[in-house]
Amino acid sequence: MLHCAAAKDGASILMIVAVTGLGREARLISRPDITTVIGGGDAAALRQRIHTALEQGARRVLSIGICGALSPTLEVGDCVVATEVVTEGERFVSHGPWVADLLDSIPSAIPASLAGTDTILSNSADKKRLYEATNAAVADMESHIAARVADECRLPFAAVRVVSDSAARALPPAAMVAMAKSGEVDILAVLRSLATRPTQIPALIRTAWEAEKAFRALHRCRHVLEPGTASAPLGALSLDMG
């Protein structure tokens, strides 16, 4: 069983643990004063990695990266600050003052509910079903894990996610096998998929182009991790969870 740990005496305080799904996301937001953890589609491993980061002294949990749209009103490149994270059986409310700070820092961001899912949503029908079940605007595979750990440890949680595929967009088979558990691209798996179904190449190129647009937008949001961005001090954030 995993336990929540307070910062160790004399430990270097890592103010935020930034939770991502992909290695590229982690590299994009990397800073010396935060710690990043990568999910790689493995929920159990991600949970362990978040706890390990908290044992080193992190006192806030931020899920940050790209996501899929559930709402048909969202477009690729739109940034969402989660007001809550929901699954079909759980609901985790984001930390209000932190959400307000994030929205102030990213004026174009949209406040909305975010759905957590343990599987990649490969087509519009899957997205529509989750949209109808949760009424969430976007979905990803990491935020519900991060929110659950933050809730268990009574620490502030927030999420910043950028849309990389619209609600109407279906992902090609190669994109479904592209993520290795390390969070890096599994080139061999992609090539095998393309060899089996070469007709998906145009769709894969389109998916890659849309992902690039999302990563550019994410890069413009990375300033939310800079020291001093939040107006609420760390102490206030932690006390609010009591």
Protein backbone atom coordinates (compact mmCIF):
# COMPACT_ATOMS: atom_id res chain seq x y z
CA MET A 1 0.00 0.00 0.00
CA LEU A 2 1.26 3.48 -0.88
CA HIS A 3 1.38 6.16 1.78
CA CYS A 4 1.50 9.94 1.53
CA ALA A 5 4.74 11.40 2.81
CA ALA A 6 5.58 14.84 4.11
CA ALA A 7 8.74 16.63 3.03
CA LYS A 8 11.85 15.22 4.68
CA ASP A 9 13.93 17.38 7.00
CA GLY A 10 16.62 19.06 4.96
CA ALA A 11 15.11 17.87 1.67
CA SER A 12 15.15 20.13 -1.34
CA ILE A 13 11.56 21.36 -1.69
CA LEU A 14 10.15 20.64 -5.12
CA MET A 15 7.15 22.91 -5.14
CA ILE A 16 5.23 21.16 -7.93
CA VAL A 17 5.12 17.66 -9.35
CA ALA A 18 4.10 18.01 -13.00
CA VAL A 19 2.27 14.96 -14.30
CA THR A 20 2.49 14.20 -18.02
CA GLY A 21 1.71 11.31 -20.32
CA LEU A 22 4.55 11.73 -22.80
CA GLY A 23 8.28 12.22 -22.57
CA ARG A 24 8.04 15.13 -24.98
CA GLU A 25 5.60 16.92 -22.67
CA ALA A 26 7.95 16.41 -19.74
CA ARG A 27 10.92 17.79 -21.68
CA LEU A 28 8.91 20.77 -22.89
CA ILE A 29 7.95 21.90 -19.39
CA SER A 30 11.11 20.78 -17.59
CA ARG A 31 12.52 23.19 -14.99
CA PRO A 32 15.12 22.69 -12.25
CA ASP A 33 12.64 23.69 -9.53
CA ILE A 34 9.92 21.14 -10.40
CA THR A 35 9.85 17.41 -10.89
CA THR A 36 8.08 15.76 -13.81
CA VAL A 37 6.61 12.28 -13.93
CA ILE A 38 5.55 10.45 -17.08
CA GLY A 39 2.58 8.10 -17.30
CA GLY A 40 3.23 6.33 -20.59
CA GLY A 41 -0.27 4.84 -20.43
CA ASP A 42 0.53 2.82 -17.28
CA ALA A 43 -1.81 3.97 -14.49
CA ALA A 44 -0.24 1.88 -11.71
CA ALA A 45 3.29 3.03 -12.56
CA LEU A 46 2.16 6.66 -12.76
CA ARG A 47 0.58 6.45 -9.32
CA GLN A 48 3.84 5.11 -7.89
CA ARG A 49 5.90 7.81 -9.63
CA ILE A 50 3.70 10.58 -8.24
CA HIS A 51 4.07 9.21 -4.71
CA THR A 52 7.84 9.00 -5.17
CA ALA A 53 7.91 12.66 -6.22
CA LEU A 54 5.84 13.64 -3.20
CA GLU A 55 8.27 11.80 -0.94
CA GLN A 56 10.97 14.16 -2.26
CA GLY A 57 9.00 17.17 -1.03
CA ALA A 58 6.60 18.26 -3.79
CA ARG A 59 3.55 19.90 -2.24
CA ARG A 60 1.32 20.56 -5.27
CA VAL A 61 0.22 18.33 -8.15
CA LEU A 62 -0.27 19.72 -11.67
CA SER A 63 -1.39 17.60 -14.61
CA ILE A 64 -0.12 19.25 -17.78
CA GLY A 65 0.10 18.18 -21.41
CA ILE A 66 -2.09 17.46 -24.41
CA CYS A 67 -5.55 15.90 -24.44
CA GLY A 68 -8.46 14.88 -26.64
CA ALA A 69 -11.58 17.00 -27.02
CA LEU A 70 -14.97 15.62 -26.03
CA SER A 71 -16.90 18.82 -26.60
CA PRO A 72 -17.57 19.53 -30.30
CA THR A 73 -16.99 23.24 -29.65
CA LEU A 74 -13.27 22.80 -28.94
CA GLU A 75 -10.55 22.97 -31.58
CA VAL A 76 -6.97 21.74 -31.78
CA GLY A 77 -4.73 24.11 -29.82
CA ASP A 78 -7.42 25.22 -27.35
CA CYS A 79 -6.17 25.29 -23.76
CA VAL A 80 -8.36 24.01 -20.92
CA VAL A 81 -7.85 24.62 -17.20
CA ALA A 82 -9.76 21.89 -15.39
CA THR A 83 -12.30 23.01 -12.81
CA GLU A 84 -12.73 19.35 -11.88
CA VAL A 85 -11.66 15.89 -12.98
CA VAL A 86 -14.37 13.29 -13.40
CA THR A 87 -14.62 9.62 -14.25
CA GLU A 88 -17.82 7.64 -14.57
CA GLY A 89 -17.64 6.99 -10.82
CA GLU A 90 -15.49 9.75 -9.26
CA ARG A 91 -15.25 13.53 -9.08
CA PHE A 92 -12.23 15.55 -7.93
CA VAL A 93 -12.60 19.32 -7.64
CA SER A 94 -9.53 21.33 -8.61
CA HIS A 95 -8.02 23.80 -6.15
CA GLY A 96 -10.04 26.99 -6.63
CA PRO A 97 -7.40 29.69 -5.98
CA TRP A 98 -4.87 27.85 -8.13
CA VAL A 99 -7.39 27.51 -10.96
CA ALA A 100 -8.04 31.25 -10.75
CA ASP A 101 -4.30 31.96 -10.95
CA LEU A 102 -3.92 29.68 -13.97
CA LEU A 103 -6.79 31.35 -15.79
CA ASP A 104 -5.23 34.75 -15.07
CA SER A 105 -1.89 33.50 -16.39
CA ILE A 106 -3.41 32.01 -19.56
CA PRO A 107 -6.07 34.51 -20.67
CA SER A 108 -7.16 32.36 -23.61
CA ALA A 109 -7.71 29.26 -21.46
CA ILE A 110 -11.16 27.76 -21.05
CA PRO A 111 -12.34 26.62 -17.60
CA ALA A 112 -14.07 23.24 -17.97
CA SER A 113 -14.47 19.73 -16.61
CA LEU A 114 -11.89 17.13 -17.62
CA ALA A 115 -12.63 13.40 -17.89
CA GLY A 116 -10.14 10.74 -16.90
CA THR A 117 -9.93 7.57 -18.95
CA ASP A 118 -7.71 4.49 -18.70
CA THR A 119 -7.74 3.88 -22.46
CA ILE A 120 -7.07 5.96 -25.56
CA LEU A 121 -10.27 7.26 -27.15
CA SER A 122 -9.76 6.18 -30.73
CA ASN A 123 -12.90 7.45 -32.45
CA SER A 124 -15.70 9.98 -32.26
CA ALA A 125 -18.20 7.42 -30.95
CA ASP A 126 -16.02 6.68 -27.90
CA LYS A 127 -15.59 10.40 -27.28
CA LYS A 128 -19.32 11.03 -27.59
CA ARG A 129 -20.12 8.26 -25.09
CA LEU A 130 -17.70 9.70 -22.52
CA TYR A 131 -18.99 13.22 -23.19
CA GLU A 132 -22.56 12.12 -22.54
CA ALA A 133 -21.55 10.16 -19.43
CA THR A 134 -19.46 12.91 -17.81
CA ASN A 135 -20.32 16.21 -19.56
CA ALA A 136 -16.57 16.90 -19.57
CA ALA A 137 -15.04 19.05 -22.30
CA VAL A 138 -11.77 17.11 -22.70
CA ALA A 139 -10.20 13.82 -21.65
CA ASP A 140 -6.76 12.42 -20.89
CA MET A 141 -5.21 9.34 -19.27
CA GLU A 142 -3.25 10.99 -16.44
CA SER A 143 -5.30 13.68 -14.72
CA HIS A 144 -7.63 11.35 -12.81
CA ILE A 145 -4.62 9.44 -11.44
CA ALA A 146 -2.93 12.67 -10.39
CA ALA A 147 -6.14 14.10 -8.90
CA ARG A 148 -6.79 10.89 -6.95
CA VAL A 149 -3.30 10.91 -5.40
CA ALA A 150 -3.55 14.62 -4.57
CA ASP A 151 -6.93 14.02 -2.92
CA GLU A 152 -5.56 11.11 -0.88
CA CYS A 153 -2.61 13.22 0.25
CA ARG A 154 -4.72 16.36 0.84
CA LEU A 155 -2.60 18.41 -1.54
CA PRO A 156 -3.72 21.07 -4.05
CA PHE A 157 -4.40 19.78 -7.57
CA ALA A 158 -4.87 21.53 -10.91
CA ALA A 159 -4.67 20.61 -14.59
CA VAL A 160 -3.71 22.48 -17.76
CA ARG A 161 -4.34 20.57 -20.98
CA VAL A 162 -4.18 21.50 -24.68
CA VAL A 163 -6.44 19.84 -27.27
CA SER A 164 -4.54 17.74 -29.82
CA ASP A 165 -7.48 15.97 -31.47
CA SER A 166 -11.04 17.22 -31.90
CA ALA A 167 -14.19 15.41 -30.78
CA ALA A 168 -14.94 14.41 -34.38
CA ARG A 169 -11.43 13.12 -35.11
CA ALA A 170 -10.63 9.40 -35.23
CA LEU A 171 -7.06 8.34 -34.54
CA PRO A 172 -5.33 6.04 -37.06
CA PRO A 173 -4.19 2.59 -35.82
CA ALA A 174 -0.53 3.64 -35.82
CA ALA A 175 -1.30 6.43 -33.36
CA MET A 176 -2.96 3.92 -31.06
CA VAL A 177 0.26 1.91 -30.70
CA ALA A 178 2.71 4.80 -30.84
CA MET A 179 3.20 5.36 -27.10
CA ALA A 180 5.67 3.15 -25.26
CA LYS A 181 5.45 2.78 -21.47
CA SER A 182 8.40 5.14 -21.21
CA GLY A 183 6.26 7.87 -22.75
CA GLU A 184 8.41 7.92 -25.88
CA VAL A 185 7.32 7.07 -29.42
CA ASP A 186 7.57 3.37 -30.24
CA ILE A 187 8.91 3.73 -33.78
CA LEU A 188 8.94 -0.01 -34.48
CA ALA A 189 5.29 -0.37 -33.47
CA VAL A 190 4.35 2.55 -35.73
CA LEU A 191 6.26 1.08 -38.67
CA ARG A 192 4.65 -2.32 -38.17
CA SER A 193 1.23 -0.72 -38.17
CA LEU A 194 2.00 1.25 -41.33
CA ALA A 195 3.30 -1.87 -43.07
CA THR A 196 0.06 -3.64 -42.29
CA ARG A 197 -2.20 -0.73 -43.24
CA PRO A 198 -0.35 1.75 -45.47
CA THR A 199 -3.60 3.54 -46.36
CA GLN A 200 -3.54 5.18 -42.92
CA ILE A 201 -0.47 7.29 -43.78
CA PRO A 202 -2.45 10.45 -44.69
CA ALA A 203 -4.42 10.20 -41.43
CA LEU A 204 -1.22 9.69 -39.44
CA ILE A 205 0.37 12.75 -41.06
CA ARG A 206 -2.72 14.79 -40.18
CA THR A 207 -2.63 13.51 -36.59
CA ALA A 208 1.06 14.41 -36.30
CA TRP A 209 0.42 17.91 -37.69
CA GLU A 210 -2.39 18.50 -35.19
CA ALA A 211 -0.20 17.22 -32.36
CA GLU A 212 2.51 19.71 -33.37
CA LYS A 213 -0.04 22.53 -33.17
CA ALA A 214 -1.01 21.36 -29.69
CA PHE A 215 2.62 21.15 -28.55
CA ARG A 216 3.23 24.71 -29.76
CA ALA A 217 0.26 25.88 -27.72
CA LEU A 218 1.51 23.91 -24.71
CA HIS A 219 4.89 25.61 -25.03
CA ARG A 220 3.11 28.97 -24.76
CA CYS A 221 1.51 27.77 -21.49
CA ARG A 222 4.68 26.55 -19.79
CA HIS A 223 5.16 29.86 -17.97
CA VAL A 224 2.57 28.70 -15.40
CA LEU A 225 5.38 26.63 -13.86
CA GLU A 226 7.68 29.61 -13.33
CA PRO A 227 8.33 30.63 -9.72
CA GLY A 228 6.05 33.39 -8.51
CA THR A 229 3.34 32.81 -11.12
CA ALA A 230 0.73 31.90 -8.53
CA SER A 231 -0.46 34.73 -6.30
CA ALA A 232 -1.48 32.32 -3.53
CA PRO A 233 1.58 31.26 -1.47
CA LEU A 234 2.34 27.58 -1.02
CA GLY A 235 1.32 27.69 2.61
CA ALA A 236 -2.08 29.07 1.75
CA LEU A 237 -2.59 26.42 -0.88
CA SER A 238 -1.82 23.63 1.57
CA LEU A 239 -3.90 25.11 4.39
CA ASP A 240 -6.91 25.36 2.10
CA MET A 241 -6.93 21.57 1.87
CA GLY A 242 -7.46 21.12 5.60
